[in-house]
Amino acid sequence: MGGKASHNASVSGMLGKKEREGVARLFVSRTAVTQREWEDLARLDPLWTVLSDNRKQFGKWDREEFFPSGQREIDVLMSSCGFAAEITAECSISAVA
């Protein structure tokens, strides 16, 4: 048996209640910070946050270039899985904005 679940249970059993609560608070706190960081990035430079090309940082993505690049990525991914796909600019814009 064993595996990840039993390992986590044995590690958890080594910590007292206060330590487990401290770890949980730290995890929640770090998750909240990460979420705020992503939200800040999305407000500052939404297209670059989605597709981080250093040459396009600070608002240098042109929407006419950005959206077709996503379509190409999706086409490659979906065809590798045996599917055909198409995304629309309207869908992408609402997901980014």
PDB file of N, CA and C in Angstrom:
ATOM      1  N   MET A   1       0.831  -1.181   0.000  1.00  0.00           N
ATOM      2  CA  MET A   1       0.000   0.000   0.000  1.00  0.00           C
ATOM      3  C   MET A   1       0.872   1.238   0.000  1.00  0.00           C
ATOM      4  N   GLY A   2       0.822   2.000   1.048  1.00  0.00           N
ATOM      5  CA  GLY A   2       1.667   3.189   1.139  1.00  0.00           C
ATOM      6  C   GLY A   2       1.163   4.281   0.234  1.00  0.00           C
ATOM      7  N   GLY A   3       2.099   4.903  -0.493  1.00  0.00           N
ATOM      8  CA  GLY A   3       1.717   5.939  -1.433  1.00  0.00           C
ATOM      9  C   GLY A   3       1.641   7.306  -0.783  1.00  0.00           C
ATOM     10  N   LYS A   4       1.201   8.271  -1.588  1.00  0.00           N
ATOM     11  CA  LYS A   4       1.164   9.658  -1.157  1.00  0.00           C
ATOM     12  C   LYS A   4       0.196   9.882   0.003  1.00  0.00           C
ATOM     13  N   ALA A   5      -0.984   9.265  -0.066  1.00  0.00           N
ATOM     14  CA  ALA A   5      -1.989   9.478   0.985  1.00  0.00           C
ATOM     15  C   ALA A   5      -1.464   9.021   2.346  1.00  0.00           C
ATOM     16  N   SER A   6      -0.844   7.845   2.396  1.00  0.00           N
ATOM     17  CA  SER A   6      -0.351   7.370   3.686  1.00  0.00           C
ATOM     18  C   SER A   6       0.837   8.200   4.160  1.00  0.00           C
ATOM     19  N   HIS A   7       1.647   8.701   3.217  1.00  0.00           N
ATOM     20  CA  HIS A   7       2.763   9.572   3.587  1.00  0.00           C
ATOM     21  C   HIS A   7       2.232  10.862   4.193  1.00  0.00           C
ATOM     22  N   ASN A   8       1.222  11.465   3.533  1.00  0.00           N
ATOM     23  CA  ASN A   8       0.632  12.697   4.059  1.00  0.00           C
ATOM     24  C   ASN A   8       0.019  12.468   5.437  1.00  0.00           C
ATOM     25  N   ALA A   9      -0.633  11.325   5.632  1.00  0.00           N
ATOM     26  CA  ALA A   9      -1.246  11.016   6.920  1.00  0.00           C
ATOM     27  C   ALA A   9      -0.173  10.878   7.991  1.00  0.00           C
ATOM     28  N   SER A  10       0.962  10.239   7.659  1.00  0.00           N
ATOM     29  CA  SER A  10       2.004  10.066   8.664  1.00  0.00           C
ATOM     30  C   SER A  10       2.671  11.393   8.989  1.00  0.00           C
ATOM     31  N   VAL A  11       2.863  12.262   8.004  1.00  0.00           N
ATOM     32  CA  VAL A  11       3.441  13.586   8.252  1.00  0.00           C
ATOM     33  C   VAL A  11       2.466  14.397   9.084  1.00  0.00           C
ATOM     34  N   SER A  12       1.183  14.352   8.725  1.00  0.00           N
ATOM     35  CA  SER A  12       0.160  15.076   9.475  1.00  0.00           C
ATOM     36  C   SER A  12       0.116  14.588  10.917  1.00  0.00           C
ATOM     37  N   GLY A  13       0.280  13.299  11.131  1.00  0.00           N
ATOM     38  CA  GLY A  13       0.250  12.734  12.481  1.00  0.00           C
ATOM     39  C   GLY A  13       1.421  13.196  13.331  1.00  0.00           C
ATOM     40  N   MET A  14       2.520  13.623  12.695  1.00  0.00           N
ATOM     41  CA  MET A  14       3.688  14.082  13.432  1.00  0.00           C
ATOM     42  C   MET A  14       3.509  15.521  13.912  1.00  0.00           C
ATOM     43  N   LEU A  15       2.567  16.245  13.331  1.00  0.00           N
ATOM     44  CA  LEU A  15       2.333  17.629  13.725  1.00  0.00           C
ATOM     45  C   LEU A  15       1.204  17.697  14.739  1.00  0.00           C
ATOM     46  N   GLY A  16       1.349  18.596  15.670  1.00  0.00           N
ATOM     47  CA  GLY A  16       0.264  18.824  16.616  1.00  0.00           C
ATOM     48  C   GLY A  16      -0.807  19.685  15.967  1.00  0.00           C
ATOM     49  N   LYS A  17      -1.919  19.839  16.669  1.00  0.00           N
ATOM     50  CA  LYS A  17      -3.041  20.601  16.137  1.00  0.00           C
ATOM     51  C   LYS A  17      -2.624  22.029  15.801  1.00  0.00           C
ATOM     52  N   LYS A  18      -1.874  22.689  16.689  1.00  0.00           N
ATOM     53  CA  LYS A  18      -1.450  24.067  16.448  1.00  0.00           C
ATOM     54  C   LYS A  18      -0.549  24.158  15.220  1.00  0.00           C
ATOM     55  N   GLU A  19       0.348  23.214  15.063  1.00  0.00           N
ATOM     56  CA  GLU A  19       1.236  23.225  13.901  1.00  0.00           C
ATOM     57  C   GLU A  19       0.452  23.038  12.610  1.00  0.00           C
ATOM     58  N   ARG A  20      -0.516  22.090  12.634  1.00  0.00           N
ATOM     59  CA  ARG A  20      -1.351  21.867  11.437  1.00  0.00           C
ATOM     60  C   ARG A  20      -2.143  23.117  11.091  1.00  0.00           C
ATOM     61  N   GLU A  21      -2.691  23.776  12.123  1.00  0.00           N
ATOM     62  CA  GLU A  21      -3.442  25.011  11.887  1.00  0.00           C
ATOM     63  C   GLU A  21      -2.529  26.103  11.339  1.00  0.00           C
ATOM     64  N   GLY A  22      -1.301  26.164  11.841  1.00  0.00           N
ATOM     65  CA  GLY A  22      -0.334  27.151  11.346  1.00  0.00           C
ATOM     66  C   GLY A  22       0.011  26.909   9.884  1.00  0.00           C
ATOM     67  N   VAL A  23       0.222  25.653   9.534  1.00  0.00           N
ATOM     68  CA  VAL A  23       0.512  25.308   8.144  1.00  0.00           C
ATOM     69  C   VAL A  23      -0.675  25.677   7.265  1.00  0.00           C
ATOM     70  N   ALA A  24      -1.879  25.393   7.720  1.00  0.00           N
ATOM     71  CA  ALA A  24      -3.085  25.710   6.953  1.00  0.00           C
ATOM     72  C   ALA A  24      -3.205  27.223   6.760  1.00  0.00           C
ATOM     73  N   ARG A  25      -2.954  28.007   7.810  1.00  0.00           N
ATOM     74  CA  ARG A  25      -3.022  29.471   7.694  1.00  0.00           C
ATOM     75  C   ARG A  25      -1.974  29.983   6.718  1.00  0.00           C
ATOM     76  N   LEU A  26      -0.784  29.439   6.777  1.00  0.00           N
ATOM     77  CA  LEU A  26       0.283  29.837   5.866  1.00  0.00           C
ATOM     78  C   LEU A  26      -0.107  29.542   4.420  1.00  0.00           C
ATOM     79  N   PHE A  27      -0.664  28.354   4.181  1.00  0.00           N
ATOM     80  CA  PHE A  27      -1.091  27.980   2.840  1.00  0.00           C
ATOM     81  C   PHE A  27      -2.169  28.929   2.334  1.00  0.00           C
ATOM     82  N   VAL A  28      -3.173  29.214   3.156  1.00  0.00           N
ATOM     83  CA  VAL A  28      -4.264  30.111   2.766  1.00  0.00           C
ATOM     84  C   VAL A  28      -3.715  31.508   2.514  1.00  0.00           C
ATOM     85  N   SER A  29      -2.819  31.961   3.376  1.00  0.00           N
ATOM     86  CA  SER A  29      -2.235  33.285   3.221  1.00  0.00           C
ATOM     87  C   SER A  29      -1.448  33.379   1.922  1.00  0.00           C
ATOM     88  N   ARG A  30      -0.625  32.375   1.644  1.00  0.00           N
ATOM     89  CA  ARG A  30       0.189  32.390   0.415  1.00  0.00           C
ATOM     90  C   ARG A  30      -0.706  32.307  -0.820  1.00  0.00           C
ATOM     91  N   THR A  31      -1.766  31.528  -0.735  1.00  0.00           N
ATOM     92  CA  THR A  31      -2.701  31.423  -1.857  1.00  0.00           C
ATOM     93  C   THR A  31      -3.347  32.773  -2.130  1.00  0.00           C
ATOM     94  N   ALA A  32      -3.731  33.485  -1.077  1.00  0.00           N
ATOM     95  CA  ALA A  32      -4.347  34.807  -1.237  1.00  0.00           C
ATOM     96  C   ALA A  32      -3.359  35.784  -1.868  1.00  0.00           C
ATOM     97  N   VAL A  33      -2.101  35.742  -1.450  1.00  0.00           N
ATOM     98  CA  VAL A  33      -1.079  36.617  -2.028  1.00  0.00           C
ATOM     99  C   VAL A  33      -0.911  36.298  -3.497  1.00  0.00           C
ATOM    100  N   THR A  34      -0.826  35.032  -3.840  1.00  0.00           N
ATOM    101  CA  THR A  34      -0.671  34.630  -5.235  1.00  0.00           C
ATOM    102  C   THR A  34      -1.859  35.104  -6.065  1.00  0.00           C
ATOM    103  N   GLN A  35      -3.049  34.967  -5.544  1.00  0.00           N
ATOM    104  CA  GLN A  35      -4.233  35.417  -6.265  1.00  0.00           C
ATOM    105  C   GLN A  35      -4.186  36.928  -6.486  1.00  0.00           C
ATOM    106  N   ARG A  36      -3.808  37.677  -5.461  1.00  0.00           N
ATOM    107  CA  ARG A  36      -3.690  39.141  -5.614  1.00  0.00           C
ATOM    108  C   ARG A  36      -2.632  39.486  -6.661  1.00  0.00           C
ATOM    109  N   GLU A  37      -1.515  38.770  -6.663  1.00  0.00           N
ATOM    110  CA  GLU A  37      -0.460  39.031  -7.640  1.00  0.00           C
ATOM    111  C   GLU A  37      -0.980  38.826  -9.058  1.00  0.00           C
ATOM    112  N   TRP A  38      -1.697  37.704  -9.286  1.00  0.00           N
ATOM    113  CA  TRP A  38      -2.261  37.436 -10.610  1.00  0.00           C
ATOM    114  C   TRP A  38      -3.276  38.503 -10.996  1.00  0.00           C
ATOM    115  N   GLU A  39      -4.110  38.920 -10.058  1.00  0.00           N
ATOM    116  CA  GLU A  39      -5.106  39.953 -10.348  1.00  0.00           C
ATOM    117  C   GLU A  39      -4.432  41.280 -10.669  1.00  0.00           C
ATOM    118  N   ASP A  40      -3.376  41.619  -9.936  1.00  0.00           N
ATOM    119  CA  ASP A  40      -2.631  42.848 -10.221  1.00  0.00           C
ATOM    120  C   ASP A  40      -2.009  42.795 -11.614  1.00  0.00           C
ATOM    121  N   LEU A  41      -1.376  41.680 -11.931  1.00  0.00           N
ATOM    122  CA  LEU A  41      -0.789  41.525 -13.259  1.00  0.00           C
ATOM    123  C   LEU A  41      -1.840  41.630 -14.356  1.00  0.00           C
ATOM    124  N   ALA A  42      -2.980  41.012 -14.130  1.00  0.00           N
ATOM    125  CA  ALA A  42      -4.051  41.042 -15.129  1.00  0.00           C
ATOM    126  C   ALA A  42      -4.561  42.464 -15.343  1.00  0.00           C
ATOM    127  N   ARG A  43      -4.609  43.258 -14.289  1.00  0.00           N
ATOM    128  CA  ARG A  43      -5.033  44.665 -14.446  1.00  0.00           C
ATOM    129  C   ARG A  43      -3.978  45.482 -15.186  1.00  0.00           C
ATOM    130  N   LEU A  44      -2.715  45.237 -14.867  1.00  0.00           N
ATOM    131  CA  LEU A  44      -1.629  46.023 -15.459  1.00  0.00           C
ATOM    132  C   LEU A  44      -1.371  45.677 -16.919  1.00  0.00           C
ATOM    133  N   ASP A  45      -1.371  44.403 -17.237  1.00  0.00           N
ATOM    134  CA  ASP A  45      -1.001  43.961 -18.592  1.00  0.00           C
ATOM    135  C   ASP A  45      -1.686  42.624 -18.881  1.00  0.00           C
ATOM    136  N   PRO A  46      -3.005  42.651 -19.161  1.00  0.00           N
ATOM    137  CA  PRO A  46      -3.767  41.394 -19.258  1.00  0.00           C
ATOM    138  C   PRO A  46      -3.285  40.440 -20.340  1.00  0.00           C
ATOM    139  N   LEU A  47      -2.938  40.935 -21.503  1.00  0.00           N
ATOM    140  CA  LEU A  47      -2.512  40.022 -22.569  1.00  0.00           C
ATOM    141  C   LEU A  47      -1.178  39.376 -22.222  1.00  0.00           C
ATOM    142  N   TRP A  48      -0.250  40.149 -21.690  1.00  0.00           N
ATOM    143  CA  TRP A  48       1.048  39.591 -21.323  1.00  0.00           C
ATOM    144  C   TRP A  48       0.912  38.598 -20.172  1.00  0.00           C
ATOM    145  N   THR A  49      -0.045  38.837 -19.258  1.00  0.00           N
ATOM    146  CA  THR A  49      -0.265  37.918 -18.142  1.00  0.00           C
ATOM    147  C   THR A  49      -0.695  36.553 -18.657  1.00  0.00           C
ATOM    148  N   VAL A  50      -1.476  36.532 -19.731  1.00  0.00           N
ATOM    149  CA  VAL A  50      -1.935  35.275 -20.323  1.00  0.00           C
ATOM    150  C   VAL A  50      -0.828  34.616 -21.128  1.00  0.00           C
ATOM    151  N   LEU A  51      -0.094  35.399 -21.904  1.00  0.00           N
ATOM    152  CA  LEU A  51       0.964  34.871 -22.763  1.00  0.00           C
ATOM    153  C   LEU A  51       2.214  35.711 -22.545  1.00  0.00           C
ATOM    154  N   SER A  52       3.073  35.258 -21.627  1.00  0.00           N
ATOM    155  CA  SER A  52       4.220  36.033 -21.162  1.00  0.00           C
ATOM    156  C   SER A  52       5.407  35.909 -22.087  1.00  0.00           C
ATOM    157  N   ASP A  53       5.434  36.764 -23.088  1.00  0.00           N
ATOM    158  CA  ASP A  53       6.572  36.877 -24.002  1.00  0.00           C
ATOM    159  C   ASP A  53       7.291  38.166 -23.601  1.00  0.00           C
ATOM    160  N   ASN A  54       8.537  38.064 -23.163  1.00  0.00           N
ATOM    161  CA  ASN A  54       9.256  39.235 -22.658  1.00  0.00           C
ATOM    162  C   ASN A  54       9.296  40.389 -23.649  1.00  0.00           C
ATOM    163  N   ARG A  55       9.256  40.072 -24.942  1.00  0.00           N
ATOM    164  CA  ARG A  55       9.269  41.139 -25.954  1.00  0.00           C
ATOM    165  C   ARG A  55       7.943  41.898 -25.997  1.00  0.00           C
ATOM    166  N   LYS A  56       6.898  41.328 -25.392  1.00  0.00           N
ATOM    167  CA  LYS A  56       5.552  41.915 -25.462  1.00  0.00           C
ATOM    168  C   LYS A  56       5.093  42.513 -24.140  1.00  0.00           C
ATOM    169  N   GLN A  57       5.977  42.530 -23.146  1.00  0.00           N
ATOM    170  CA  GLN A  57       5.601  43.043 -21.828  1.00  0.00           C
ATOM    171  C   GLN A  57       5.339  44.543 -21.890  1.00  0.00           C
ATOM    172  N   PHE A  58       4.555  45.028 -20.942  1.00  0.00           N
ATOM    173  CA  PHE A  58       4.205  46.448 -20.809  1.00  0.00           C
ATOM    174  C   PHE A  58       3.324  46.934 -21.956  1.00  0.00           C
ATOM    175  N   GLY A  59       2.320  46.133 -22.291  1.00  0.00           N
ATOM    176  CA  GLY A  59       1.322  46.553 -23.268  1.00  0.00           C
ATOM    177  C   GLY A  59       1.747  46.470 -24.713  1.00  0.00           C
ATOM    178  N   LYS A  60       2.774  45.695 -25.005  1.00  0.00           N
ATOM    179  CA  LYS A  60       3.263  45.620 -26.387  1.00  0.00           C
ATOM    180  C   LYS A  60       2.562  44.570 -27.241  1.00  0.00           C
ATOM    181  N   TRP A  61       1.667  43.783 -26.644  1.00  0.00           N
ATOM    182  CA  TRP A  61       0.905  42.826 -27.443  1.00  0.00           C
ATOM    183  C   TRP A  61      -0.099  43.578 -28.295  1.00  0.00           C
ATOM    184  N   ASP A  62      -0.150  43.269 -29.561  1.00  0.00           N
ATOM    185  CA  ASP A  62      -1.167  43.762 -30.472  1.00  0.00           C
ATOM    186  C   ASP A  62      -2.251  42.687 -30.518  1.00  0.00           C
ATOM    187  N   ARG A  63      -3.515  43.059 -30.311  1.00  0.00           N
ATOM    188  CA  ARG A  63      -4.609  42.079 -30.284  1.00  0.00           C
ATOM    189  C   ARG A  63      -4.689  41.280 -31.584  1.00  0.00           C
ATOM    190  N   GLU A  64      -4.342  41.910 -32.695  1.00  0.00           N
ATOM    191  CA  GLU A  64      -4.393  41.218 -33.993  1.00  0.00           C
ATOM    192  C   GLU A  64      -3.336  40.111 -34.072  1.00  0.00           C
ATOM    193  N   GLU A  65      -2.300  40.213 -33.284  1.00  0.00           N
ATOM    194  CA  GLU A  65      -1.264  39.184 -33.206  1.00  0.00           C
ATOM    195  C   GLU A  65      -1.537  38.201 -32.072  1.00  0.00           C
ATOM    196  N   PHE A  66      -2.016  38.742 -30.946  1.00  0.00           N
ATOM    197  CA  PHE A  66      -2.227  37.939 -29.746  1.00  0.00           C
ATOM    198  C   PHE A  66      -3.246  36.826 -29.959  1.00  0.00           C
ATOM    199  N   PHE A  67      -4.444  37.159 -30.432  1.00  0.00           N
ATOM    200  CA  PHE A  67      -5.511  36.162 -30.523  1.00  0.00           C
ATOM    201  C   PHE A  67      -5.214  35.052 -31.536  1.00  0.00           C
ATOM    202  N   PRO A  68      -4.675  35.348 -32.719  1.00  0.00           N
ATOM    203  CA  PRO A  68      -4.311  34.233 -33.609  1.00  0.00           C
ATOM    204  C   PRO A  68      -3.249  33.307 -33.013  1.00  0.00           C
ATOM    205  N   SER A  69      -2.355  33.841 -32.174  1.00  0.00           N
ATOM    206  CA  SER A  69      -1.345  32.966 -31.559  1.00  0.00           C
ATOM    207  C   SER A  69      -2.018  31.959 -30.637  1.00  0.00           C
ATOM    208  N   GLY A  70      -3.048  32.390 -29.933  1.00  0.00           N
ATOM    209  CA  GLY A  70      -3.804  31.468 -29.077  1.00  0.00           C
ATOM    210  C   GLY A  70      -4.541  30.421 -29.890  1.00  0.00           C
ATOM    211  N   GLN A  71      -5.100  30.843 -31.019  1.00  0.00           N
ATOM    212  CA  GLN A  71      -5.798  29.895 -31.894  1.00  0.00           C
ATOM    213  C   GLN A  71      -4.832  28.820 -32.378  1.00  0.00           C
ATOM    214  N   ARG A  72      -3.611  29.239 -32.748  1.00  0.00           N
ATOM    215  CA  ARG A  72      -2.606  28.255 -33.197  1.00  0.00           C
ATOM    216  C   ARG A  72      -2.270  27.273 -32.078  1.00  0.00           C
ATOM    217  N   GLU A  73      -2.088  27.796 -30.855  1.00  0.00           N
ATOM    218  CA  GLU A  73      -1.782  26.927 -29.712  1.00  0.00           C
ATOM    219  C   GLU A  73      -2.905  25.915 -29.471  1.00  0.00           C
ATOM    220  N   ILE A  74      -4.128  26.394 -29.489  1.00  0.00           N
ATOM    221  CA  ILE A  74      -5.280  25.514 -29.270  1.00  0.00           C
ATOM    222  C   ILE A  74      -5.388  24.490 -30.392  1.00  0.00           C
ATOM    223  N   ASP A  75      -5.199  24.923 -31.642  1.00  0.00           N
ATOM    224  CA  ASP A  75      -5.272  24.000 -32.779  1.00  0.00           C
ATOM    225  C   ASP A  75      -4.258  22.867 -32.638  1.00  0.00           C
ATOM    226  N   VAL A  76      -3.030  23.209 -32.261  1.00  0.00           N
ATOM    227  CA  VAL A  76      -1.984  22.195 -32.091  1.00  0.00           C
ATOM    228  C   VAL A  76      -2.358  21.236 -30.962  1.00  0.00           C
ATOM    229  N   LEU A  77      -2.777  21.786 -29.823  1.00  0.00           N
ATOM    230  CA  LEU A  77      -3.150  20.956 -28.685  1.00  0.00           C
ATOM    231  C   LEU A  77      -4.312  20.030 -29.036  1.00  0.00           C
ATOM    232  N   MET A  78      -5.364  20.597 -29.603  1.00  0.00           N
ATOM    233  CA  MET A  78      -6.555  19.805 -29.901  1.00  0.00           C
ATOM    234  C   MET A  78      -6.278  18.762 -30.977  1.00  0.00           C
ATOM    235  N   SER A  79      -5.505  19.116 -31.993  1.00  0.00           N
ATOM    236  CA  SER A  79      -5.217  18.128 -33.036  1.00  0.00           C
ATOM    237  C   SER A  79      -4.349  16.997 -32.492  1.00  0.00           C
ATOM    238  N   SER A  80      -3.478  17.300 -31.516  1.00  0.00           N
ATOM    239  CA  SER A  80      -2.660  16.240 -30.933  1.00  0.00           C
ATOM    240  C   SER A  80      -3.527  15.262 -30.134  1.00  0.00           C
ATOM    241  N   CYS A  81      -4.728  15.732 -29.723  1.00  0.00           N
ATOM    242  CA  CYS A  81      -5.672  14.876 -29.007  1.00  0.00           C
ATOM    243  C   CYS A  81      -6.725  14.291 -29.938  1.00  0.00           C
ATOM    244  N   GLY A  82      -6.625  14.618 -31.223  1.00  0.00           N
ATOM    245  CA  GLY A  82      -7.580  14.096 -32.187  1.00  0.00           C
ATOM    246  C   GLY A  82      -8.857  14.905 -32.305  1.00  0.00           C
ATOM    247  N   PHE A  83      -8.832  16.167 -31.897  1.00  0.00           N
ATOM    248  CA  PHE A  83     -10.009  17.025 -31.967  1.00  0.00           C
ATOM    249  C   PHE A  83      -9.738  18.213 -32.886  1.00  0.00           C
ATOM    250  N   ALA A  84     -10.810  18.788 -33.389  1.00  0.00           N
ATOM    251  CA  ALA A  84     -10.716  20.063 -34.104  1.00  0.00           C
ATOM    252  C   ALA A  84     -11.298  21.110 -33.169  1.00  0.00           C
ATOM    253  N   ALA A  85     -10.704  22.293 -33.143  1.00  0.00           N
ATOM    254  CA  ALA A  85     -11.197  23.325 -32.231  1.00  0.00           C
ATOM    255  C   ALA A  85     -11.147  24.675 -32.899  1.00  0.00           C
ATOM    256  N   GLU A  86     -12.011  25.553 -32.402  1.00  0.00           N
ATOM    257  CA  GLU A  86     -11.990  26.940 -32.854  1.00  0.00           C
ATOM    258  C   GLU A  86     -12.426  27.809 -31.689  1.00  0.00           C
ATOM    259  N   ILE A  87     -11.647  28.836 -31.442  1.00  0.00           N
ATOM    260  CA  ILE A  87     -12.045  29.788 -30.421  1.00  0.00           C
ATOM    261  C   ILE A  87     -12.373  31.097 -31.116  1.00  0.00           C
ATOM    262  N   THR A  88     -13.165  31.911 -30.490  1.00  0.00           N
ATOM    263  CA  THR A  88     -13.536  33.193 -31.078  1.00  0.00           C
ATOM    264  C   THR A  88     -12.876  34.308 -30.308  1.00  0.00           C
ATOM    265  N   ALA A  89     -12.651  35.419 -30.985  1.00  0.00           N
ATOM    266  CA  ALA A  89     -12.060  36.575 -30.321  1.00  0.00           C
ATOM    267  C   ALA A  89     -12.975  37.050 -29.199  1.00  0.00           C
ATOM    268  N   GLU A  90     -14.287  36.967 -29.403  1.00  0.00           N
ATOM    269  CA  GLU A  90     -15.219  37.413 -28.372  1.00  0.00           C
ATOM    270  C   GLU A  90     -15.045  36.596 -27.097  1.00  0.00           C
ATOM    271  N   CYS A  91     -14.919  35.299 -27.247  1.00  0.00           N
ATOM    272  CA  CYS A  91     -14.717  34.419 -26.087  1.00  0.00           C
ATOM    273  C   CYS A  91     -13.407  34.769 -25.403  1.00  0.00           C
ATOM    274  N   SER A  92     -12.344  34.927 -26.179  1.00  0.00           N
ATOM    275  CA  SER A  92     -11.032  35.215 -25.612  1.00  0.00           C
ATOM    276  C   SER A  92     -10.998  36.574 -24.924  1.00  0.00           C
ATOM    277  N   ILE A  93     -11.629  37.549 -25.539  1.00  0.00           N
ATOM    278  CA  ILE A  93     -11.630  38.885 -24.946  1.00  0.00           C
ATOM    279  C   ILE A  93     -12.338  38.860 -23.603  1.00  0.00           C
ATOM    280  N   SER A  94     -13.473  38.178 -23.537  1.00  0.00           N
ATOM    281  CA  SER A  94     -14.196  38.145 -22.269  1.00  0.00           C
ATOM    282  C   SER A  94     -13.408  37.375 -21.209  1.00  0.00           C
ATOM    283  N   ALA A  95     -12.613  36.407 -21.621  1.00  0.00           N
ATOM    284  CA  ALA A  95     -11.819  35.647 -20.668  1.00  0.00           C
ATOM    285  C   ALA A  95     -10.650  36.471 -20.158  1.00  0.00           C
ATOM    286  N   VAL A  96     -10.139  37.367 -20.979  1.00  0.00           N
ATOM    287  CA  VAL A  96      -8.967  38.170 -20.614  1.00  0.00           C
ATOM    288  C   VAL A  96      -9.386  39.431 -19.867  1.00  0.00           C
ATOM    289  N   ALA A  97     -10.441  40.045 -20.315  1.00  0.00           N
ATOM    290  CA  ALA A  97     -10.850  41.351 -19.749  1.00  0.00           C
ATOM    291  C   ALA A  97     -11.437  41.192 -18.366  1.00  0.00           C
TER     292      ALA A  97
END
